[in-house]
PDB file of all heavy atoms in Angstrom:
ATOM      1  N   GLU A   1       0.817  -1.205   0.000  1.00  0.00           N
ATOM      2  CA  GLU A   1       0.000   0.000   0.000  1.00  0.00           C
ATOM      3  C   GLU A   1       0.860   1.269   0.000  1.00  0.00           C
ATOM      4  O   GLU A   1       0.586   2.228  -0.731  1.00  0.00           O
ATOM      5  CB  GLU A   1      -0.935   0.004   1.210  1.00  0.00           C
ATOM      6  CG  GLU A   1      -1.998  -1.080   1.183  1.00  0.00           C
ATOM      7  CD  GLU A   1      -2.918  -0.945  -0.019  1.00  0.00           C
ATOM      8  OE1 GLU A   1      -3.248   0.195  -0.413  1.00  0.00           O
ATOM      9  OE2 GLU A   1      -3.314  -1.991  -0.568  1.00  0.00           O
ATOM     10  N   PHE A   2       1.907   1.273   0.823  1.00  0.00           N
ATOM     11  CA  PHE A   2       2.792   2.441   0.875  1.00  0.00           C
ATOM     12  C   PHE A   2       3.478   2.682  -0.470  1.00  0.00           C
ATOM     13  O   PHE A   2       3.626   3.824  -0.914  1.00  0.00           O
ATOM     14  CB  PHE A   2       3.848   2.266   1.968  1.00  0.00           C
ATOM     15  CG  PHE A   2       3.299   2.342   3.363  1.00  0.00           C
ATOM     16  CD1 PHE A   2       3.741   1.465   4.353  1.00  0.00           C
ATOM     17  CD2 PHE A   2       2.336   3.283   3.704  1.00  0.00           C
ATOM     18  CE1 PHE A   2       3.236   1.535   5.644  1.00  0.00           C
ATOM     19  CE2 PHE A   2       1.820   3.349   4.994  1.00  0.00           C
ATOM     20  CZ  PHE A   2       2.270   2.480   5.968  1.00  0.00           C
ATOM     21  N   ASP A   3       3.900   1.607  -1.115  1.00  0.00           N
ATOM     22  CA  ASP A   3       4.576   1.739  -2.410  1.00  0.00           C
ATOM     23  C   ASP A   3       3.619   2.268  -3.478  1.00  0.00           C
ATOM     24  O   ASP A   3       4.012   3.095  -4.315  1.00  0.00           O
ATOM     25  CB  ASP A   3       5.139   0.385  -2.844  1.00  0.00           C
ATOM     26  CG  ASP A   3       5.848   0.450  -4.181  1.00  0.00           C
ATOM     27  OD1 ASP A   3       6.980   0.954  -4.235  1.00  0.00           O
ATOM     28  OD2 ASP A   3       5.248   0.011  -5.190  1.00  0.00           O
ATOM     29  N   ALA A   4       2.366   1.810  -3.457  1.00  0.00           N
ATOM     30  CA  ALA A   4       1.389   2.296  -4.436  1.00  0.00           C
ATOM     31  C   ALA A   4       1.165   3.799  -4.262  1.00  0.00           C
ATOM     32  O   ALA A   4       1.045   4.543  -5.246  1.00  0.00           O
ATOM     33  CB  ALA A   4       0.071   1.537  -4.292  1.00  0.00           C
ATOM     34  N   SER A   5       1.112   4.262  -3.008  1.00  0.00           N
ATOM     35  CA  SER A   5       0.937   5.685  -2.744  1.00  0.00           C
ATOM     36  C   SER A   5       2.167   6.473  -3.184  1.00  0.00           C
ATOM     37  O   SER A   5       2.055   7.575  -3.738  1.00  0.00           O
ATOM     38  CB  SER A   5       0.678   5.925  -1.252  1.00  0.00           C
ATOM     39  OG  SER A   5      -0.584   5.413  -0.874  1.00  0.00           O
ATOM     40  N   ARG A   6       3.344   5.927  -2.935  1.00  0.00           N
ATOM     41  CA  ARG A   6       4.582   6.592  -3.347  1.00  0.00           C
ATOM     42  C   ARG A   6       4.620   6.750  -4.866  1.00  0.00           C
ATOM     43  O   ARG A   6       4.952   7.834  -5.384  1.00  0.00           O
ATOM     44  CB  ARG A   6       5.787   5.775  -2.883  1.00  0.00           C
ATOM     45  CG  ARG A   6       7.126   6.372  -3.273  1.00  0.00           C
ATOM     46  CD  ARG A   6       8.271   5.414  -3.012  1.00  0.00           C
ATOM     47  NE  ARG A   6       8.153   4.177  -3.788  1.00  0.00           N
ATOM     48  CZ  ARG A   6       8.459   4.084  -5.077  1.00  0.00           C
ATOM     49  NH1 ARG A   6       8.879   5.162  -5.740  1.00  0.00           N
ATOM     50  NH2 ARG A   6       8.342   2.937  -5.702  1.00  0.00           N
ATOM     51  N   ARG A   7       4.263   5.706  -5.577  1.00  0.00           N
ATOM     52  CA  ARG A   7       4.232   5.762  -7.035  1.00  0.00           C
ATOM     53  C   ARG A   7       3.217   6.799  -7.506  1.00  0.00           C
ATOM     54  O   ARG A   7       3.479   7.550  -8.456  1.00  0.00           O
ATOM     55  CB  ARG A   7       3.868   4.391  -7.607  1.00  0.00           C
ATOM     56  CG  ARG A   7       4.925   3.314  -7.418  1.00  0.00           C
ATOM     57  CD  ARG A   7       4.404   1.954  -7.878  1.00  0.00           C
ATOM     58  NE  ARG A   7       5.257   0.858  -7.505  1.00  0.00           N
ATOM     59  CZ  ARG A   7       6.173   0.295  -8.293  1.00  0.00           C
ATOM     60  NH1 ARG A   7       6.353   0.763  -9.519  1.00  0.00           N
ATOM     61  NH2 ARG A   7       6.907  -0.715  -7.864  1.00  0.00           N
ATOM     62  N   ALA A   8       2.062   6.818  -6.846  1.00  0.00           N
ATOM     63  CA  ALA A   8       0.999   7.744  -7.245  1.00  0.00           C
ATOM     64  C   ALA A   8       1.432   9.199  -7.085  1.00  0.00           C
ATOM     65  O   ALA A   8       1.276  10.016  -8.009  1.00  0.00           O
ATOM     66  CB  ALA A   8      -0.259   7.479  -6.412  1.00  0.00           C
ATOM     67  N   LEU A   9       1.980   9.534  -5.924  1.00  0.00           N
ATOM     68  CA  LEU A   9       2.379  10.913  -5.659  1.00  0.00           C
ATOM     69  C   LEU A   9       3.530  11.345  -6.566  1.00  0.00           C
ATOM     70  O   LEU A   9       3.534  12.481  -7.074  1.00  0.00           O
ATOM     71  CB  LEU A   9       2.779  11.059  -4.190  1.00  0.00           C
ATOM     72  CG  LEU A   9       1.634  10.918  -3.184  1.00  0.00           C
ATOM     73  CD1 LEU A   9       2.184  10.801  -1.763  1.00  0.00           C
ATOM     74  CD2 LEU A   9       0.673  12.106  -3.279  1.00  0.00           C
ATOM     75  N   ALA A  10       4.494  10.466  -6.778  1.00  0.00           N
ATOM     76  CA  ALA A  10       5.630  10.794  -7.648  1.00  0.00           C
ATOM     77  C   ALA A  10       5.168  11.033  -9.075  1.00  0.00           C
ATOM     78  O   ALA A  10       5.613  11.988  -9.739  1.00  0.00           O
ATOM     79  CB  ALA A  10       6.662   9.670  -7.602  1.00  0.00           C
ATOM     80  N   TRP A  11       4.268  10.193  -9.557  1.00  0.00           N
ATOM     81  CA  TRP A  11       3.773  10.354 -10.927  1.00  0.00           C
ATOM     82  C   TRP A  11       2.968  11.641 -11.068  1.00  0.00           C
ATOM     83  O   TRP A  11       3.140  12.376 -12.059  1.00  0.00           O
ATOM     84  CB  TRP A  11       2.920   9.149 -11.332  1.00  0.00           C
ATOM     85  CG  TRP A  11       2.295   9.334 -12.687  1.00  0.00           C
ATOM     86  CD1 TRP A  11       2.898   9.148 -13.902  1.00  0.00           C
ATOM     87  CD2 TRP A  11       0.972   9.806 -12.962  1.00  0.00           C
ATOM     88  NE1 TRP A  11       2.033   9.460 -14.916  1.00  0.00           N
ATOM     89  CE2 TRP A  11       0.830   9.861 -14.367  1.00  0.00           C
ATOM     90  CE3 TRP A  11      -0.108  10.167 -12.154  1.00  0.00           C
ATOM     91  CZ2 TRP A  11      -0.344  10.280 -14.984  1.00  0.00           C
ATOM     92  CZ3 TRP A  11      -1.274  10.579 -12.765  1.00  0.00           C
ATOM     93  CH2 TRP A  11      -1.398  10.632 -14.164  1.00  0.00           C
ATOM     94  N   MET A  12       2.088  11.934 -10.115  1.00  0.00           N
ATOM     95  CA  MET A  12       1.275  13.149 -10.204  1.00  0.00           C
ATOM     96  C   MET A  12       2.145  14.398 -10.205  1.00  0.00           C
ATOM     97  O   MET A  12       1.860  15.360 -10.910  1.00  0.00           O
ATOM     98  CB  MET A  12       0.267  13.204  -9.050  1.00  0.00           C
ATOM     99  CG  MET A  12      -0.890  12.231  -9.205  1.00  0.00           C
ATOM    100  SD  MET A  12      -2.265  12.553  -8.068  1.00  0.00           S
ATOM    101  CE  MET A  12      -1.490  12.193  -6.494  1.00  0.00           C
ATOM    102  N   ASP A  13       3.217  14.387  -9.434  1.00  0.00           N
ATOM    103  CA  ASP A  13       4.140  15.529  -9.420  1.00  0.00           C
ATOM    104  C   ASP A  13       4.865  15.667 -10.747  1.00  0.00           C
ATOM    105  O   ASP A  13       4.964  16.766 -11.309  1.00  0.00           O
ATOM    106  CB  ASP A  13       5.159  15.367  -8.293  1.00  0.00           C
ATOM    107  CG  ASP A  13       4.580  15.706  -6.928  1.00  0.00           C
ATOM    108  OD1 ASP A  13       3.514  16.355  -6.879  1.00  0.00           O
ATOM    109  OD2 ASP A  13       5.184  15.307  -5.916  1.00  0.00           O
ATOM    110  N   SER A  14       5.389  14.548 -11.252  1.00  0.00           N
ATOM    111  CA  SER A  14       6.165  14.594 -12.500  1.00  0.00           C
ATOM    112  C   SER A  14       5.301  14.987 -13.687  1.00  0.00           C
ATOM    113  O   SER A  14       5.783  15.612 -14.635  1.00  0.00           O
ATOM    114  CB  SER A  14       6.823  13.239 -12.767  1.00  0.00           C
ATOM    115  OG  SER A  14       5.847  12.242 -13.022  1.00  0.00           O
ATOM    116  N   ARG A  15       4.016  14.651 -13.622  1.00  0.00           N
ATOM    117  CA  ARG A  15       3.090  14.940 -14.717  1.00  0.00           C
ATOM    118  C   ARG A  15       2.412  16.298 -14.574  1.00  0.00           C
ATOM    119  O   ARG A  15       1.703  16.744 -15.464  1.00  0.00           O
ATOM    120  CB  ARG A  15       2.009  13.873 -14.774  1.00  0.00           C
ATOM    121  CG  ARG A  15       2.091  12.794 -15.823  1.00  0.00           C
ATOM    122  CD  ARG A  15       2.534  13.204 -17.196  1.00  0.00           C
ATOM    123  NE  ARG A  15       1.833  12.466 -18.215  1.00  0.00           N
ATOM    124  CZ  ARG A  15       1.130  13.015 -19.193  1.00  0.00           C
ATOM    125  NH1 ARG A  15       1.025  14.321 -19.275  1.00  0.00           N
ATOM    126  NH2 ARG A  15       0.546  12.265 -20.097  1.00  0.00           N
ATOM    127  N   GLY A  16       2.629  16.944 -13.429  1.00  0.00           N
ATOM    128  CA  GLY A  16       2.003  18.241 -13.200  1.00  0.00           C
ATOM    129  C   GLY A  16       0.506  18.143 -12.972  1.00  0.00           C
ATOM    130  O   GLY A  16      -0.233  19.094 -13.235  1.00  0.00           O
ATOM    131  N   ILE A  17       0.069  16.990 -12.473  1.00  0.00           N
ATOM    132  CA  ILE A  17      -1.359  16.789 -12.225  1.00  0.00           C
ATOM    133  C   ILE A  17      -1.823  17.644 -11.050  1.00  0.00           C
ATOM    134  O   ILE A  17      -2.950  18.137 -11.033  1.00  0.00           O
ATOM    135  CB  ILE A  17      -1.655  15.295 -11.910  1.00  0.00           C
ATOM    136  CG1 ILE A  17      -1.191  14.399 -13.058  1.00  0.00           C
ATOM    137  CG2 ILE A  17      -3.143  15.080 -11.621  1.00  0.00           C
ATOM    138  CD1 ILE A  17      -1.925  14.616 -14.351  1.00  0.00           C
ATOM    139  N   VAL A  18      -0.945  17.836 -10.065  1.00  0.00           N
ATOM    140  CA  VAL A  18      -1.312  18.585  -8.855  1.00  0.00           C
ATOM    141  C   VAL A  18      -0.329  19.721  -8.596  1.00  0.00           C
ATOM    142  O   VAL A  18       0.843  19.642  -8.960  1.00  0.00           O
ATOM    143  CB  VAL A  18      -1.348  17.656  -7.616  1.00  0.00           C
ATOM    144  CG1 VAL A  18      -2.484  16.665  -7.711  1.00  0.00           C
ATOM    145  CG2 VAL A  18      -0.015  16.925  -7.443  1.00  0.00           C
ATOM    146  N   THR A  19      -0.838  20.764  -7.962  1.00  0.00           N
ATOM    147  CA  THR A  19       0.012  21.846  -7.490  1.00  0.00           C
ATOM    148  C   THR A  19       0.615  21.420  -6.151  1.00  0.00           C
ATOM    149  O   THR A  19       0.282  20.349  -5.615  1.00  0.00           O
ATOM    150  CB  THR A  19      -0.803  23.127  -7.300  1.00  0.00           C
ATOM    151  OG1 THR A  19      -1.787  22.891  -6.268  1.00  0.00           O
ATOM    152  CG2 THR A  19      -1.518  23.524  -8.590  1.00  0.00           C
ATOM    153  N   ALA A  20       1.474  22.265  -5.594  1.00  0.00           N
ATOM    154  CA  ALA A  20       2.083  21.943  -4.297  1.00  0.00           C
ATOM    155  C   ALA A  20       1.016  21.793  -3.223  1.00  0.00           C
ATOM    156  O   ALA A  20       1.079  20.881  -2.380  1.00  0.00           O
ATOM    157  CB  ALA A  20       3.086  23.030  -3.910  1.00  0.00           C
ATOM    158  N   GLN A  21       0.017  22.673  -3.237  1.00  0.00           N
ATOM    159  CA  GLN A  21      -1.061  22.597  -2.246  1.00  0.00           C
ATOM    160  C   GLN A  21      -1.898  21.337  -2.458  1.00  0.00           C
ATOM    161  O   GLN A  21      -2.269  20.656  -1.493  1.00  0.00           O
ATOM    162  CB  GLN A  21      -1.952  23.834  -2.338  1.00  0.00           C
ATOM    163  CG  GLN A  21      -3.078  23.852  -1.298  1.00  0.00           C
ATOM    164  CD  GLN A  21      -3.973  25.076  -1.432  1.00  0.00           C
ATOM    165  OE1 GLN A  21      -3.888  25.815  -2.411  1.00  0.00           O
ATOM    166  NE2 GLN A  21      -4.831  25.292  -0.441  1.00  0.00           N
ATOM    167  N   GLU A  22      -2.180  21.018  -3.706  1.00  0.00           N
ATOM    168  CA  GLU A  22      -2.969  19.828  -4.007  1.00  0.00           C
ATOM    169  C   GLU A  22      -2.189  18.557  -3.689  1.00  0.00           C
ATOM    170  O   GLU A  22      -2.769  17.555  -3.270  1.00  0.00           O
ATOM    171  CB  GLU A  22      -3.379  19.847  -5.485  1.00  0.00           C
ATOM    172  CG  GLU A  22      -4.395  20.939  -5.805  1.00  0.00           C
ATOM    173  CD  GLU A  22      -4.555  21.189  -7.298  1.00  0.00           C
ATOM    174  OE1 GLU A  22      -3.706  20.692  -8.079  1.00  0.00           O
ATOM    175  OE2 GLU A  22      -5.492  21.892  -7.684  1.00  0.00           O
ATOM    176  N   HIS A  23      -0.868  18.607  -3.854  1.00  0.00           N
ATOM    177  CA  HIS A  23      -0.022  17.470  -3.488  1.00  0.00           C
ATOM    178  C   HIS A  23      -0.167  17.175  -1.994  1.00  0.00           C
ATOM    179  O   HIS A  23      -0.273  16.010  -1.593  1.00  0.00           O
ATOM    180  CB  HIS A  23       1.446  17.766  -3.820  1.00  0.00           C
ATOM    181  CG  HIS A  23       2.395  16.721  -3.308  1.00  0.00           C
ATOM    182  ND1 HIS A  23       2.826  15.665  -4.071  1.00  0.00           N
ATOM    183  CD2 HIS A  23       2.988  16.568  -2.088  1.00  0.00           C
ATOM    184  CE1 HIS A  23       3.630  14.897  -3.349  1.00  0.00           C
ATOM    185  NE2 HIS A  23       3.750  15.433  -2.143  1.00  0.00           N
ATOM    186  N   ALA A  24      -0.161  18.231  -1.187  1.00  0.00           N
ATOM    187  CA  ALA A  24      -0.288  18.056   0.261  1.00  0.00           C
ATOM    188  C   ALA A  24      -1.625  17.413   0.619  1.00  0.00           C
ATOM    189  O   ALA A  24      -1.694  16.545   1.498  1.00  0.00           O
ATOM    190  CB  ALA A  24      -0.146  19.403   0.959  1.00  0.00           C
TER     191      ALA A  24
END
C-alpha cells in the first residue's frame, strides 16, 4: 500500500497533475 501511494504521488508531481497545495 505504501509503495502504491509513493508511485501515485511521484507520478502526479512529475506529470504536473497537482500543485504543491494539491499534493499536500
